[in-house]
Amino acid sequence: MSPSPSSSVSVRSATEVNAEIRDLWQRSGGYLSPQDEADYQRLLVEWAAATGGNDRSAA
């Protein structure tokens, strides 16, 4: 049997996660502390899950 869903599974929309990413960058003044970097990485994973992993920059 598969394990139960983890708390890292996105339940928020990409728009909500994107807003949090923008807020993080604004609060940090463009410099991420080690804790901020960890939060940023977590948010990127959540955002990718919320968008279905679409990469608009791919040619």
C-alpha atoms as a PDB file:
ATOM      1  CA  MET A   1       0.000   0.000   0.000  1.00  0.00           C
ATOM      2  CA  SER A   2       1.302   3.469  -0.837  1.00  0.00           C
ATOM      3  CA  PRO A   3       2.090   5.911   1.957  1.00  0.00           C
ATOM      4  CA  SER A   4      -0.387   8.646   2.787  1.00  0.00           C
ATOM      5  CA  PRO A   5       0.087  11.969   0.986  1.00  0.00           C
ATOM      6  CA  SER A   6       2.769  14.145   2.541  1.00  0.00           C
ATOM      7  CA  SER A   7       2.284  17.727   3.635  1.00  0.00           C
ATOM      8  CA  SER A   8       4.458  18.854   0.698  1.00  0.00           C
ATOM      9  CA  VAL A   9       1.671  18.020  -1.773  1.00  0.00           C
ATOM     10  CA  SER A  10       0.329  21.274  -3.188  1.00  0.00           C
ATOM     11  CA  VAL A  11      -3.197  22.180  -2.207  1.00  0.00           C
ATOM     12  CA  ARG A  12      -2.794  25.852  -3.105  1.00  0.00           C
ATOM     13  CA  SER A  13      -3.095  27.354  -6.555  1.00  0.00           C
ATOM     14  CA  ALA A  14      -0.032  28.408  -8.521  1.00  0.00           C
ATOM     15  CA  THR A  15      -1.199  32.008  -8.087  1.00  0.00           C
ATOM     16  CA  GLU A  16      -1.162  31.692  -4.299  1.00  0.00           C
ATOM     17  CA  VAL A  17       2.282  30.096  -4.270  1.00  0.00           C
ATOM     18  CA  ASN A  18       3.592  32.697  -6.713  1.00  0.00           C
ATOM     19  CA  ALA A  19       2.351  35.470  -4.423  1.00  0.00           C
ATOM     20  CA  GLU A  20       4.271  33.914  -1.530  1.00  0.00           C
ATOM     21  CA  ILE A  21       7.412  33.656  -3.671  1.00  0.00           C
ATOM     22  CA  ARG A  22       7.121  37.331  -4.623  1.00  0.00           C
ATOM     23  CA  ASP A  23       6.576  38.283  -0.988  1.00  0.00           C
ATOM     24  CA  LEU A  24       9.654  36.306   0.059  1.00  0.00           C
ATOM     25  CA  TRP A  25      11.826  38.111  -2.491  1.00  0.00           C
ATOM     26  CA  GLN A  26      10.407  41.493  -1.526  1.00  0.00           C
ATOM     27  CA  ARG A  27      10.944  40.900   2.206  1.00  0.00           C
ATOM     28  CA  SER A  28      14.483  39.673   1.613  1.00  0.00           C
ATOM     29  CA  GLY A  29      15.510  42.706  -0.419  1.00  0.00           C
ATOM     30  CA  GLY A  30      16.859  40.383  -3.109  1.00  0.00           C
ATOM     31  CA  TYR A  31      19.182  38.463  -0.796  1.00  0.00           C
ATOM     32  CA  LEU A  32      18.029  35.114   0.552  1.00  0.00           C
ATOM     33  CA  SER A  33      19.331  33.893   3.895  1.00  0.00           C
ATOM     34  CA  PRO A  34      19.909  30.142   4.206  1.00  0.00           C
ATOM     35  CA  GLN A  35      16.436  29.776   5.755  1.00  0.00           C
ATOM     36  CA  ASP A  36      14.890  31.927   3.017  1.00  0.00           C
ATOM     37  CA  GLU A  37      16.666  29.814   0.397  1.00  0.00           C
ATOM     38  CA  ALA A  38      15.196  26.646   1.903  1.00  0.00           C
ATOM     39  CA  ASP A  39      11.729  28.244   1.883  1.00  0.00           C
ATOM     40  CA  TYR A  40      12.246  29.374  -1.720  1.00  0.00           C
ATOM     41  CA  GLN A  41      13.218  25.882  -2.847  1.00  0.00           C
ATOM     42  CA  ARG A  42      10.150  24.419  -1.112  1.00  0.00           C
ATOM     43  CA  LEU A  43       7.936  27.020  -2.775  1.00  0.00           C
ATOM     44  CA  LEU A  44       9.415  26.287  -6.208  1.00  0.00           C
ATOM     45  CA  VAL A  45       8.567  22.603  -5.820  1.00  0.00           C
ATOM     46  CA  GLU A  46       5.054  23.498  -4.683  1.00  0.00           C
ATOM     47  CA  TRP A  47       4.632  25.951  -7.579  1.00  0.00           C
ATOM     48  CA  ALA A  48       5.825  23.364 -10.112  1.00  0.00           C
ATOM     49  CA  ALA A  49       3.337  20.837  -8.723  1.00  0.00           C
ATOM     50  CA  ALA A  50       0.533  23.404  -8.883  1.00  0.00           C
ATOM     51  CA  THR A  51       1.315  24.230 -12.515  1.00  0.00           C
ATOM     52  CA  GLY A  52       1.727  20.627 -13.552  1.00  0.00           C
ATOM     53  CA  GLY A  53       5.455  21.162 -14.067  1.00  0.00           C
ATOM     54  CA  ASN A  54       4.948  23.282 -17.190  1.00  0.00           C
ATOM     55  CA  ASP A  55       8.069  25.119 -18.268  1.00  0.00           C
ATOM     56  CA  ARG A  56       7.207  28.037 -20.534  1.00  0.00           C
ATOM     57  CA  SER A  57      10.898  28.773 -21.220  1.00  0.00           C
ATOM     58  CA  ALA A  58      11.471  25.464 -23.050  1.00  0.00           C
ATOM     59  CA  ALA A  59      11.928  25.838 -26.787  1.00  0.00           C
END
